[in-house]
N, C-alpha and C. Protein backbone atom coordinates (compact mmCIF):
# COMPACT_ATOMS: atom_id res chain seq x y z
N MET A 1 15.70 -8.01 7.20
CA MET A 1 14.81 -7.94 6.03
C MET A 1 15.17 -6.70 5.22
N THR A 2 15.44 -6.87 3.92
CA THR A 2 15.80 -5.74 3.09
C THR A 2 14.57 -4.90 2.77
N ALA A 3 14.83 -3.71 2.22
CA ALA A 3 13.71 -2.85 1.83
C ALA A 3 12.83 -3.54 0.80
N MET A 4 13.46 -4.25 -0.16
CA MET A 4 12.68 -4.94 -1.19
C MET A 4 11.79 -6.00 -0.55
N ARG A 5 12.34 -6.81 0.36
CA ARG A 5 11.54 -7.85 1.00
C ARG A 5 10.42 -7.24 1.83
N PHE A 6 10.71 -6.12 2.49
CA PHE A 6 9.69 -5.44 3.29
C PHE A 6 8.53 -4.98 2.42
N PHE A 7 8.85 -4.38 1.28
CA PHE A 7 7.83 -3.91 0.35
C PHE A 7 6.99 -5.06 -0.18
N MET A 8 7.66 -6.16 -0.56
CA MET A 8 6.94 -7.30 -1.11
C MET A 8 6.11 -7.99 -0.05
N LEU A 9 6.62 -8.09 1.20
CA LEU A 9 5.87 -8.73 2.26
C LEU A 9 4.57 -7.99 2.54
N ALA A 10 4.65 -6.66 2.58
CA ALA A 10 3.45 -5.86 2.83
C ALA A 10 2.41 -6.11 1.74
N THR A 11 2.88 -6.24 0.51
CA THR A 11 1.96 -6.47 -0.60
C THR A 11 1.35 -7.86 -0.55
N VAL A 12 2.17 -8.87 -0.22
CA VAL A 12 1.65 -10.23 -0.11
C VAL A 12 0.58 -10.32 0.97
N CYS A 13 0.82 -9.68 2.12
CA CYS A 13 -0.16 -9.68 3.20
C CYS A 13 -1.47 -9.05 2.75
N LEU A 14 -1.35 -7.96 2.00
CA LEU A 14 -2.54 -7.27 1.51
C LEU A 14 -3.28 -8.14 0.51
N SER A 15 -2.54 -8.83 -0.36
CA SER A 15 -3.16 -9.69 -1.35
C SER A 15 -3.90 -10.85 -0.69
N LEU A 16 -3.30 -11.43 0.34
CA LEU A 16 -3.94 -12.51 1.05
C LEU A 16 -5.22 -12.05 1.72
N ALA A 17 -5.18 -10.84 2.26
CA ALA A 17 -6.38 -10.30 2.92
C ALA A 17 -7.50 -10.12 1.91
N LEU A 18 -7.16 -9.63 0.73
CA LEU A 18 -8.18 -9.43 -0.29
C LEU A 18 -8.71 -10.75 -0.80
N ALA A 19 -7.81 -11.73 -0.98
CA ALA A 19 -8.24 -13.03 -1.50
C ALA A 19 -9.19 -13.72 -0.54
N GLY A 20 -9.09 -13.40 0.74
CA GLY A 20 -9.96 -14.03 1.72
C GLY A 20 -11.31 -13.38 1.85
N SER A 21 -11.54 -12.30 1.13
CA SER A 21 -12.82 -11.59 1.23
C SER A 21 -13.41 -11.40 -0.15
N PRO A 22 -14.27 -12.30 -0.60
CA PRO A 22 -14.87 -12.15 -1.93
C PRO A 22 -15.56 -10.82 -2.07
N PRO A 23 -15.58 -10.23 -3.28
CA PRO A 23 -16.17 -8.91 -3.48
C PRO A 23 -17.60 -8.81 -3.00
N THR A 24 -18.40 -9.87 -3.20
CA THR A 24 -19.80 -9.79 -2.79
C THR A 24 -19.91 -9.69 -1.28
N VAL A 25 -19.01 -10.41 -0.57
CA VAL A 25 -19.01 -10.35 0.89
C VAL A 25 -18.58 -8.97 1.35
N ALA A 26 -17.49 -8.46 0.72
CA ALA A 26 -16.99 -7.14 1.10
C ALA A 26 -18.05 -6.08 0.86
N LEU A 27 -18.76 -6.21 -0.26
CA LEU A 27 -19.80 -5.23 -0.58
C LEU A 27 -20.93 -5.31 0.45
N ALA A 28 -21.31 -6.53 0.82
CA ALA A 28 -22.37 -6.69 1.82
C ALA A 28 -21.94 -6.11 3.16
N GLN A 29 -20.65 -6.33 3.51
CA GLN A 29 -20.15 -5.78 4.77
C GLN A 29 -20.17 -4.26 4.75
N THR A 30 -19.85 -3.68 3.58
CA THR A 30 -19.87 -2.23 3.46
C THR A 30 -21.28 -1.69 3.67
N VAL A 31 -22.26 -2.36 3.04
CA VAL A 31 -23.66 -1.95 3.20
C VAL A 31 -24.09 -2.08 4.65
N ASP A 32 -23.72 -3.21 5.28
CA ASP A 32 -24.07 -3.41 6.68
C ASP A 32 -23.49 -2.31 7.56
N LYS A 33 -22.21 -1.97 7.32
CA LYS A 33 -21.56 -0.92 8.11
C LYS A 33 -22.27 0.41 7.93
N ALA A 34 -22.63 0.69 6.68
CA ALA A 34 -23.31 1.97 6.40
C ALA A 34 -24.65 2.02 7.11
N SER A 35 -25.40 0.90 7.07
CA SER A 35 -26.71 0.87 7.71
C SER A 35 -26.59 1.04 9.21
N THR A 36 -25.61 0.33 9.79
CA THR A 36 -25.41 0.41 11.24
C THR A 36 -24.99 1.81 11.64
N GLY A 37 -24.04 2.39 10.84
CA GLY A 37 -23.56 3.72 11.17
C GLY A 37 -24.64 4.76 11.07
N ALA A 38 -25.47 4.66 10.02
CA ALA A 38 -26.53 5.65 9.84
C ALA A 38 -27.52 5.56 10.97
N ALA A 39 -27.83 4.34 11.41
CA ALA A 39 -28.81 4.17 12.48
C ALA A 39 -28.30 4.74 13.79
N SER A 40 -27.00 4.66 14.01
CA SER A 40 -26.44 5.13 15.28
C SER A 40 -26.02 6.58 15.24
N GLY A 41 -26.06 7.18 14.04
CA GLY A 41 -25.63 8.57 13.90
C GLY A 41 -24.12 8.70 13.81
N ALA A 42 -23.42 7.55 13.66
CA ALA A 42 -21.96 7.57 13.66
C ALA A 42 -21.39 7.30 12.27
N PHE A 43 -22.21 7.40 11.23
CA PHE A 43 -21.74 7.09 9.88
C PHE A 43 -20.65 8.07 9.45
N THR A 44 -19.57 7.52 8.87
CA THR A 44 -18.50 8.35 8.35
C THR A 44 -18.19 7.91 6.93
N THR A 45 -17.63 8.82 6.15
CA THR A 45 -17.24 8.50 4.79
C THR A 45 -15.89 7.79 4.80
N HIS A 46 -15.56 7.21 3.64
CA HIS A 46 -14.26 6.56 3.46
C HIS A 46 -13.12 7.54 3.80
N ALA A 47 -13.22 8.76 3.29
CA ALA A 47 -12.17 9.76 3.54
C ALA A 47 -12.07 10.11 5.02
N GLN A 48 -13.21 10.23 5.68
CA GLN A 48 -13.20 10.56 7.11
C GLN A 48 -12.60 9.43 7.95
N ARG A 49 -12.91 8.19 7.57
CA ARG A 49 -12.33 7.05 8.28
C ARG A 49 -10.82 7.02 8.13
N LEU A 50 -10.35 7.30 6.90
CA LEU A 50 -8.91 7.31 6.68
C LEU A 50 -8.23 8.43 7.47
N GLU A 51 -8.83 9.61 7.50
CA GLU A 51 -8.25 10.71 8.26
C GLU A 51 -8.09 10.32 9.74
N LYS A 52 -9.13 9.72 10.28
CA LYS A 52 -9.10 9.30 11.68
C LYS A 52 -8.02 8.24 11.91
N LEU A 53 -7.96 7.27 11.02
CA LEU A 53 -6.98 6.18 11.17
C LEU A 53 -5.55 6.70 11.03
N PHE A 54 -5.32 7.59 10.08
CA PHE A 54 -3.97 8.13 9.91
C PHE A 54 -3.55 8.97 11.12
N ASP A 55 -4.49 9.69 11.69
CA ASP A 55 -4.19 10.46 12.90
C ASP A 55 -3.83 9.51 14.04
N GLU A 56 -4.58 8.42 14.17
CA GLU A 56 -4.29 7.43 15.21
C GLU A 56 -2.93 6.78 14.97
N LEU A 57 -2.63 6.46 13.71
CA LEU A 57 -1.36 5.81 13.36
C LEU A 57 -0.17 6.70 13.71
N LYS A 58 -0.32 7.99 13.45
CA LYS A 58 0.78 8.92 13.70
C LYS A 58 1.06 9.10 15.19
N HIS A 59 0.03 8.96 16.01
CA HIS A 59 0.19 9.25 17.45
C HIS A 59 0.22 7.99 18.33
N GLU A 60 0.10 6.82 17.71
CA GLU A 60 0.14 5.57 18.48
C GLU A 60 1.59 5.18 18.75
N GLY A 61 1.93 5.08 20.02
CA GLY A 61 3.31 4.76 20.39
C GLY A 61 3.61 3.29 20.50
N ASN A 62 2.58 2.46 20.56
CA ASN A 62 2.77 1.02 20.68
C ASN A 62 2.85 0.40 19.28
N PRO A 63 3.99 -0.22 18.92
CA PRO A 63 4.14 -0.76 17.56
C PRO A 63 3.09 -1.80 17.19
N ASP A 64 2.69 -2.64 18.14
CA ASP A 64 1.69 -3.67 17.84
C ASP A 64 0.32 -3.05 17.58
N ALA A 65 -0.05 -2.07 18.40
CA ALA A 65 -1.32 -1.37 18.19
C ALA A 65 -1.29 -0.61 16.87
N ALA A 66 -0.14 0.00 16.56
CA ALA A 66 -0.01 0.74 15.30
C ALA A 66 -0.14 -0.19 14.10
N ARG A 67 0.37 -1.42 14.23
CA ARG A 67 0.25 -2.39 13.14
C ARG A 67 -1.22 -2.71 12.87
N GLY A 68 -2.00 -2.80 13.93
CA GLY A 68 -3.44 -3.04 13.76
C GLY A 68 -4.11 -1.89 13.04
N ILE A 69 -3.71 -0.65 13.36
CA ILE A 69 -4.27 0.52 12.68
C ILE A 69 -3.87 0.52 11.21
N ALA A 70 -2.59 0.18 10.95
CA ALA A 70 -2.12 0.12 9.56
C ALA A 70 -2.91 -0.91 8.76
N ASP A 71 -3.25 -2.03 9.39
CA ASP A 71 -4.05 -3.05 8.70
C ASP A 71 -5.45 -2.53 8.37
N GLN A 72 -6.01 -1.73 9.28
CA GLN A 72 -7.32 -1.13 9.00
C GLN A 72 -7.24 -0.18 7.81
N ILE A 73 -6.15 0.58 7.73
CA ILE A 73 -5.95 1.49 6.61
C ILE A 73 -5.86 0.71 5.30
N ARG A 74 -5.12 -0.40 5.33
CA ARG A 74 -5.01 -1.24 4.13
C ARG A 74 -6.37 -1.76 3.69
N ARG A 75 -7.20 -2.13 4.66
CA ARG A 75 -8.53 -2.63 4.30
C ARG A 75 -9.38 -1.52 3.66
N GLU A 76 -9.21 -0.29 4.15
CA GLU A 76 -9.92 0.83 3.54
C GLU A 76 -9.45 1.03 2.10
N TRP A 77 -8.14 0.94 1.89
CA TRP A 77 -7.60 1.12 0.55
C TRP A 77 -8.06 0.03 -0.40
N GLN A 78 -8.11 -1.21 0.07
CA GLN A 78 -8.33 -2.32 -0.85
C GLN A 78 -9.76 -2.40 -1.36
N ASP A 79 -10.72 -1.84 -0.62
CA ASP A 79 -12.11 -1.91 -1.07
C ASP A 79 -12.39 -0.74 -2.02
N SER A 80 -12.58 -1.06 -3.27
CA SER A 80 -12.79 -0.03 -4.29
C SER A 80 -14.19 0.56 -4.24
N GLY A 81 -15.10 -0.13 -3.55
CA GLY A 81 -16.50 0.27 -3.58
C GLY A 81 -17.25 -0.27 -4.78
N SER A 82 -16.54 -1.06 -5.60
CA SER A 82 -17.14 -1.64 -6.80
C SER A 82 -16.85 -3.14 -6.82
N ALA A 83 -17.90 -3.94 -6.91
CA ALA A 83 -17.71 -5.39 -6.96
C ALA A 83 -16.90 -5.79 -8.19
N SER A 84 -17.09 -5.09 -9.30
CA SER A 84 -16.37 -5.42 -10.53
C SER A 84 -14.87 -5.16 -10.39
N ILE A 85 -14.53 -4.00 -9.82
CA ILE A 85 -13.12 -3.68 -9.63
C ILE A 85 -12.49 -4.64 -8.64
N ASN A 86 -13.18 -4.91 -7.55
CA ASN A 86 -12.65 -5.86 -6.56
C ASN A 86 -12.38 -7.22 -7.19
N LEU A 87 -13.27 -7.64 -8.08
CA LEU A 87 -13.10 -8.93 -8.74
C LEU A 87 -11.88 -8.92 -9.66
N LEU A 88 -11.69 -7.84 -10.39
CA LEU A 88 -10.51 -7.72 -11.24
C LEU A 88 -9.22 -7.81 -10.43
N ILE A 89 -9.22 -7.17 -9.26
CA ILE A 89 -8.03 -7.21 -8.39
C ILE A 89 -7.81 -8.63 -7.88
N GLN A 90 -8.87 -9.33 -7.52
CA GLN A 90 -8.74 -10.72 -7.09
C GLN A 90 -8.17 -11.59 -8.21
N TRP A 91 -8.68 -11.39 -9.41
CA TRP A 91 -8.17 -12.16 -10.56
C TRP A 91 -6.69 -11.84 -10.79
N ALA A 92 -6.32 -10.58 -10.65
CA ALA A 92 -4.92 -10.19 -10.82
C ALA A 92 -4.04 -10.86 -9.77
N ASP A 93 -4.51 -10.85 -8.51
CA ASP A 93 -3.73 -11.49 -7.44
C ASP A 93 -3.56 -12.99 -7.71
N LYS A 94 -4.63 -13.64 -8.19
CA LYS A 94 -4.55 -15.07 -8.49
C LYS A 94 -3.56 -15.32 -9.64
N ALA A 95 -3.63 -14.47 -10.66
CA ALA A 95 -2.71 -14.61 -11.79
C ALA A 95 -1.26 -14.43 -11.35
N ILE A 96 -1.03 -13.46 -10.46
CA ILE A 96 0.32 -13.22 -9.95
C ILE A 96 0.82 -14.44 -9.18
N SER A 97 -0.05 -15.00 -8.34
CA SER A 97 0.34 -16.16 -7.54
C SER A 97 0.67 -17.37 -8.42
N GLU A 98 0.07 -17.41 -9.61
CA GLU A 98 0.33 -18.49 -10.57
C GLU A 98 1.39 -18.11 -11.60
N GLU A 99 2.01 -16.93 -11.40
CA GLU A 99 3.05 -16.40 -12.28
C GLU A 99 2.54 -16.21 -13.71
N LYS A 100 1.28 -15.87 -13.83
CA LYS A 100 0.70 -15.51 -15.13
C LYS A 100 0.68 -13.99 -15.22
N ASN A 101 1.87 -13.43 -15.40
CA ASN A 101 2.03 -11.99 -15.26
C ASN A 101 1.33 -11.19 -16.35
N ALA A 102 1.31 -11.72 -17.57
CA ALA A 102 0.63 -11.00 -18.66
C ALA A 102 -0.86 -10.85 -18.35
N ALA A 103 -1.47 -11.91 -17.85
CA ALA A 103 -2.89 -11.85 -17.49
C ALA A 103 -3.10 -10.88 -16.33
N ALA A 104 -2.18 -10.91 -15.37
CA ALA A 104 -2.29 -10.01 -14.22
C ALA A 104 -2.27 -8.56 -14.68
N PHE A 105 -1.36 -8.24 -15.60
CA PHE A 105 -1.30 -6.87 -16.12
C PHE A 105 -2.60 -6.50 -16.83
N ASP A 106 -3.18 -7.44 -17.56
CA ASP A 106 -4.45 -7.16 -18.25
C ASP A 106 -5.54 -6.79 -17.24
N PHE A 107 -5.64 -7.57 -16.16
CA PHE A 107 -6.66 -7.29 -15.14
C PHE A 107 -6.41 -5.95 -14.46
N LEU A 108 -5.15 -5.68 -14.12
CA LEU A 108 -4.82 -4.42 -13.44
C LEU A 108 -5.03 -3.23 -14.36
N ASP A 109 -4.65 -3.38 -15.63
CA ASP A 109 -4.86 -2.30 -16.60
C ASP A 109 -6.35 -1.97 -16.71
N GLU A 110 -7.19 -3.00 -16.73
CA GLU A 110 -8.62 -2.79 -16.84
C GLU A 110 -9.18 -2.12 -15.59
N ALA A 111 -8.70 -2.54 -14.42
CA ALA A 111 -9.16 -1.92 -13.17
C ALA A 111 -8.80 -0.43 -13.14
N ILE A 112 -7.60 -0.12 -13.59
CA ILE A 112 -7.15 1.28 -13.63
C ILE A 112 -7.97 2.07 -14.65
N ARG A 113 -8.25 1.45 -15.80
CA ARG A 113 -9.04 2.14 -16.83
C ARG A 113 -10.45 2.46 -16.33
N LEU A 114 -11.05 1.49 -15.61
CA LEU A 114 -12.40 1.68 -15.13
C LEU A 114 -12.48 2.66 -13.97
N LYS A 115 -11.44 2.66 -13.13
CA LYS A 115 -11.46 3.55 -11.96
C LYS A 115 -10.06 4.10 -11.70
N PRO A 116 -9.69 5.15 -12.43
CA PRO A 116 -8.32 5.66 -12.34
C PRO A 116 -7.96 6.28 -10.99
N ASP A 117 -8.97 6.57 -10.15
CA ASP A 117 -8.65 7.13 -8.83
C ASP A 117 -8.59 6.04 -7.75
N TYR A 118 -8.67 4.77 -8.15
CA TYR A 118 -8.58 3.67 -7.19
C TYR A 118 -7.11 3.39 -6.92
N VAL A 119 -6.66 3.75 -5.74
CA VAL A 119 -5.23 3.75 -5.44
C VAL A 119 -4.61 2.36 -5.52
N GLU A 120 -5.35 1.32 -5.14
CA GLU A 120 -4.76 -0.01 -5.11
C GLU A 120 -4.57 -0.61 -6.50
N GLY A 121 -5.31 -0.13 -7.49
CA GLY A 121 -5.04 -0.57 -8.86
C GLY A 121 -3.62 -0.20 -9.26
N TRP A 122 -3.28 1.07 -9.05
CA TRP A 122 -1.93 1.55 -9.36
C TRP A 122 -0.89 0.87 -8.48
N ASN A 123 -1.20 0.70 -7.19
CA ASN A 123 -0.24 0.11 -6.27
C ASN A 123 0.07 -1.35 -6.62
N ARG A 124 -0.98 -2.11 -6.98
CA ARG A 124 -0.76 -3.51 -7.36
C ARG A 124 0.11 -3.59 -8.61
N ARG A 125 -0.17 -2.71 -9.58
CA ARG A 125 0.63 -2.75 -10.81
C ARG A 125 2.07 -2.30 -10.55
N ALA A 126 2.24 -1.32 -9.69
CA ALA A 126 3.60 -0.90 -9.32
C ALA A 126 4.37 -2.05 -8.70
N THR A 127 3.68 -2.81 -7.85
CA THR A 127 4.33 -3.93 -7.17
C THR A 127 4.72 -5.02 -8.15
N LEU A 128 3.85 -5.29 -9.12
CA LEU A 128 4.17 -6.31 -10.11
C LEU A 128 5.36 -5.87 -10.97
N HIS A 129 5.37 -4.62 -11.39
CA HIS A 129 6.53 -4.11 -12.13
C HIS A 129 7.80 -4.25 -11.28
N PHE A 130 7.70 -3.93 -10.00
CA PHE A 130 8.83 -4.02 -9.09
C PHE A 130 9.33 -5.46 -9.02
N LYS A 131 8.40 -6.39 -8.85
CA LYS A 131 8.74 -7.81 -8.75
C LYS A 131 9.50 -8.29 -9.98
N LEU A 132 9.14 -7.74 -11.15
CA LEU A 132 9.77 -8.15 -12.40
C LEU A 132 11.01 -7.33 -12.74
N GLY A 133 11.38 -6.41 -11.83
CA GLY A 133 12.58 -5.61 -12.04
C GLY A 133 12.40 -4.43 -12.96
N ASN A 134 11.14 -4.10 -13.29
CA ASN A 134 10.85 -2.94 -14.15
C ASN A 134 10.72 -1.69 -13.28
N TYR A 135 11.85 -1.20 -12.79
CA TYR A 135 11.82 -0.13 -11.79
C TYR A 135 11.27 1.17 -12.34
N ARG A 136 11.57 1.47 -13.60
CA ARG A 136 11.06 2.73 -14.17
C ARG A 136 9.54 2.73 -14.21
N LYS A 137 8.95 1.63 -14.68
CA LYS A 137 7.49 1.54 -14.74
C LYS A 137 6.89 1.49 -13.34
N SER A 138 7.58 0.80 -12.43
CA SER A 138 7.10 0.74 -11.05
C SER A 138 7.07 2.14 -10.44
N MET A 139 8.13 2.92 -10.66
CA MET A 139 8.18 4.28 -10.12
C MET A 139 7.09 5.16 -10.72
N SER A 140 6.80 4.95 -11.99
CA SER A 140 5.74 5.73 -12.63
C SER A 140 4.40 5.46 -11.94
N ASP A 141 4.12 4.19 -11.65
CA ASP A 141 2.88 3.85 -10.97
C ASP A 141 2.89 4.29 -9.52
N ILE A 142 4.04 4.19 -8.86
CA ILE A 142 4.15 4.67 -7.48
C ILE A 142 3.82 6.16 -7.41
N ASN A 143 4.32 6.91 -8.38
CA ASN A 143 4.03 8.35 -8.40
C ASN A 143 2.53 8.61 -8.55
N ARG A 144 1.84 7.75 -9.32
CA ARG A 144 0.39 7.90 -9.44
C ARG A 144 -0.30 7.57 -8.12
N VAL A 145 0.19 6.54 -7.43
CA VAL A 145 -0.35 6.19 -6.11
C VAL A 145 -0.23 7.38 -5.17
N LEU A 146 0.96 7.97 -5.12
CA LEU A 146 1.21 9.05 -4.17
C LEU A 146 0.50 10.35 -4.57
N ALA A 147 0.19 10.49 -5.85
CA ALA A 147 -0.61 11.65 -6.27
C ALA A 147 -2.04 11.53 -5.73
N ILE A 148 -2.53 10.29 -5.67
CA ILE A 148 -3.89 10.05 -5.14
C ILE A 148 -3.88 10.04 -3.61
N GLU A 149 -2.88 9.36 -3.04
CA GLU A 149 -2.79 9.21 -1.58
C GLU A 149 -1.33 9.39 -1.14
N PRO A 150 -0.93 10.63 -0.80
CA PRO A 150 0.47 10.90 -0.45
C PRO A 150 0.95 10.14 0.80
N ARG A 151 0.00 9.63 1.59
CA ARG A 151 0.37 8.92 2.82
C ARG A 151 0.45 7.41 2.62
N HIS A 152 0.45 6.95 1.39
CA HIS A 152 0.45 5.51 1.13
C HIS A 152 1.81 4.93 1.51
N PHE A 153 1.89 4.38 2.71
CA PHE A 153 3.19 3.93 3.23
C PHE A 153 3.74 2.73 2.44
N GLY A 154 2.87 1.92 1.84
CA GLY A 154 3.35 0.83 1.00
C GLY A 154 4.08 1.35 -0.22
N ALA A 155 3.51 2.37 -0.86
CA ALA A 155 4.15 2.97 -2.03
C ALA A 155 5.45 3.68 -1.64
N LEU A 156 5.46 4.32 -0.49
CA LEU A 156 6.68 4.98 -0.03
C LEU A 156 7.79 3.97 0.25
N ALA A 157 7.42 2.81 0.80
CA ALA A 157 8.40 1.74 1.01
C ALA A 157 8.92 1.24 -0.33
N GLY A 158 8.03 1.12 -1.31
CA GLY A 158 8.46 0.71 -2.65
C GLY A 158 9.41 1.72 -3.27
N MET A 159 9.09 3.00 -3.12
CA MET A 159 9.97 4.05 -3.63
C MET A 159 11.35 3.96 -2.98
N ALA A 160 11.38 3.79 -1.66
CA ALA A 160 12.65 3.69 -0.95
C ALA A 160 13.45 2.49 -1.44
N ALA A 161 12.75 1.36 -1.66
CA ALA A 161 13.43 0.15 -2.12
C ALA A 161 14.04 0.36 -3.50
N ILE A 162 13.30 1.01 -4.40
CA ILE A 162 13.82 1.25 -5.75
C ILE A 162 15.01 2.19 -5.70
N MET A 163 14.92 3.25 -4.91
CA MET A 163 16.03 4.19 -4.80
C MET A 163 17.28 3.48 -4.27
N ALA A 164 17.10 2.64 -3.26
CA ALA A 164 18.24 1.91 -2.69
C ALA A 164 18.82 0.92 -3.70
N GLN A 165 17.95 0.22 -4.42
CA GLN A 165 18.41 -0.77 -5.40
C GLN A 165 19.17 -0.13 -6.54
N THR A 166 18.87 1.12 -6.84
CA THR A 166 19.51 1.81 -7.96
C THR A 166 20.61 2.77 -7.49
N GLY A 167 21.02 2.62 -6.24
CA GLY A 167 22.16 3.38 -5.73
C GLY A 167 21.90 4.82 -5.36
N ARG A 168 20.63 5.19 -5.23
CA ARG A 168 20.30 6.58 -4.86
C ARG A 168 19.90 6.63 -3.38
N ASP A 169 20.92 6.47 -2.55
CA ASP A 169 20.69 6.29 -1.11
C ASP A 169 20.06 7.51 -0.45
N GLU A 170 20.46 8.70 -0.86
CA GLU A 170 19.89 9.91 -0.24
C GLU A 170 18.40 10.02 -0.55
N MET A 171 18.00 9.66 -1.75
CA MET A 171 16.58 9.69 -2.10
C MET A 171 15.82 8.59 -1.38
N ALA A 172 16.48 7.44 -1.19
CA ALA A 172 15.86 6.36 -0.41
C ALA A 172 15.64 6.81 1.02
N MET A 173 16.61 7.53 1.56
CA MET A 173 16.51 8.06 2.92
C MET A 173 15.31 9.02 3.03
N LYS A 174 15.15 9.87 2.04
CA LYS A 174 14.03 10.81 2.06
C LYS A 174 12.69 10.08 1.99
N ALA A 175 12.64 9.01 1.21
CA ALA A 175 11.40 8.23 1.12
C ALA A 175 11.08 7.58 2.47
N TRP A 176 12.10 7.04 3.14
CA TRP A 176 11.86 6.46 4.47
C TRP A 176 11.44 7.53 5.47
N GLU A 177 12.00 8.73 5.35
CA GLU A 177 11.59 9.84 6.23
C GLU A 177 10.10 10.13 6.04
N ARG A 178 9.68 10.17 4.79
CA ARG A 178 8.24 10.40 4.50
C ARG A 178 7.39 9.27 5.07
N PHE A 179 7.89 8.04 4.92
CA PHE A 179 7.19 6.88 5.47
C PHE A 179 6.99 7.04 6.97
N LEU A 180 8.08 7.39 7.68
CA LEU A 180 8.03 7.46 9.14
C LEU A 180 7.24 8.67 9.64
N GLU A 181 7.06 9.67 8.81
CA GLU A 181 6.17 10.77 9.18
C GLU A 181 4.73 10.27 9.26
N VAL A 182 4.40 9.30 8.41
CA VAL A 182 3.05 8.74 8.38
C VAL A 182 2.89 7.62 9.40
N TYR A 183 3.92 6.77 9.51
CA TYR A 183 3.86 5.54 10.30
C TYR A 183 5.12 5.45 11.15
N PRO A 184 5.22 6.25 12.20
CA PRO A 184 6.48 6.42 12.93
C PRO A 184 6.97 5.23 13.73
N THR A 185 6.11 4.27 14.07
CA THR A 185 6.54 3.16 14.92
C THR A 185 6.93 1.91 14.13
N GLU A 186 6.94 1.97 12.80
CA GLU A 186 7.26 0.77 12.01
C GLU A 186 8.76 0.45 12.15
N ARG A 187 9.05 -0.68 12.79
CA ARG A 187 10.42 -0.99 13.18
C ARG A 187 11.34 -1.24 12.00
N GLN A 188 10.84 -1.96 10.99
CA GLN A 188 11.70 -2.24 9.85
C GLN A 188 12.05 -0.96 9.10
N ALA A 189 11.08 -0.06 8.99
CA ALA A 189 11.36 1.23 8.34
C ALA A 189 12.40 2.01 9.15
N GLN A 190 12.29 1.98 10.47
CA GLN A 190 13.28 2.64 11.33
C GLN A 190 14.67 2.06 11.08
N LYS A 191 14.74 0.74 10.97
CA LYS A 191 16.03 0.08 10.75
C LYS A 191 16.59 0.45 9.38
N GLU A 192 15.74 0.41 8.36
CA GLU A 192 16.21 0.76 7.01
C GLU A 192 16.77 2.18 6.99
N MET A 193 16.06 3.10 7.64
CA MET A 193 16.51 4.49 7.66
C MET A 193 17.81 4.63 8.45
N GLY A 194 17.91 3.92 9.58
CA GLY A 194 19.13 3.96 10.38
C GLY A 194 20.32 3.42 9.62
N ASP A 195 20.12 2.30 8.90
CA ASP A 195 21.21 1.71 8.12
C ASP A 195 21.67 2.66 7.02
N LEU A 196 20.70 3.31 6.37
CA LEU A 196 21.07 4.25 5.32
C LEU A 196 21.81 5.46 5.88
N ALA A 197 21.35 5.96 7.03
CA ALA A 197 22.01 7.11 7.67
C ALA A 197 23.46 6.76 8.01
N GLU A 198 23.66 5.55 8.52
CA GLU A 198 25.01 5.11 8.87
C GLU A 198 25.88 4.97 7.62
N LYS A 199 25.28 4.43 6.57
CA LYS A 199 26.03 4.27 5.31
C LYS A 199 26.42 5.64 4.73
N LEU A 200 25.48 6.56 4.72
CA LEU A 200 25.76 7.89 4.15
C LEU A 200 26.78 8.65 4.99
N THR A 201 26.71 8.49 6.31
CA THR A 201 27.69 9.14 7.20
C THR A 201 29.08 8.61 6.92
N GLY A 202 29.17 7.29 6.72
CA GLY A 202 30.46 6.67 6.42
C GLY A 202 31.04 7.15 5.11
N GLN A 203 30.19 7.41 4.14
CA GLN A 203 30.65 7.88 2.83
C GLN A 203 31.18 9.29 2.90
N ARG A 204 30.68 10.07 3.88
CA ARG A 204 31.08 11.48 3.95
C ARG A 204 32.33 11.70 4.80
N THR A 205 32.76 10.66 5.51
CA THR A 205 33.94 10.83 6.38
C THR A 205 35.19 10.31 5.70
């Protein structure tokens, strides 16, 4: 699997997960979780949950268990906390699946305008630009993603893919290094980095 396919597969999986959870259901689940957590004294904020999950991801040695943690992180990212924003993202995903890219950009632009600190708005738009071969615009959005969440492994995979596609192998290698600092057991990322290391070594000999 190439870096591009890896990046796109991660995004497709995330889109499917979001499409299966209507915003009203997700919002109700969030309220239920908050109520349960408050009653038990175990309530945590979104940021605290992410910190805990990222710590677990970094120290989990089992790739299958780590994948489950990564999925939990994606679910934290995808919930904007706003039913309106979640709905815009769902509409964008549907438009993308129907190849109505102009409409998808309209929905994503609106989501970003309404909530510029919502990381998945930028990430979805970066992915769409990437899909259409607009690497410069994709990188611009990836940089916004990483400014909000430097540990966003999906965006780091996208950065690595763009660097590799445009012949900047050393920068692609650095992006994979950053990815593996966050998510060290991801096998495809390990392979991509190993292949690049071998290629760069061959170029220097």
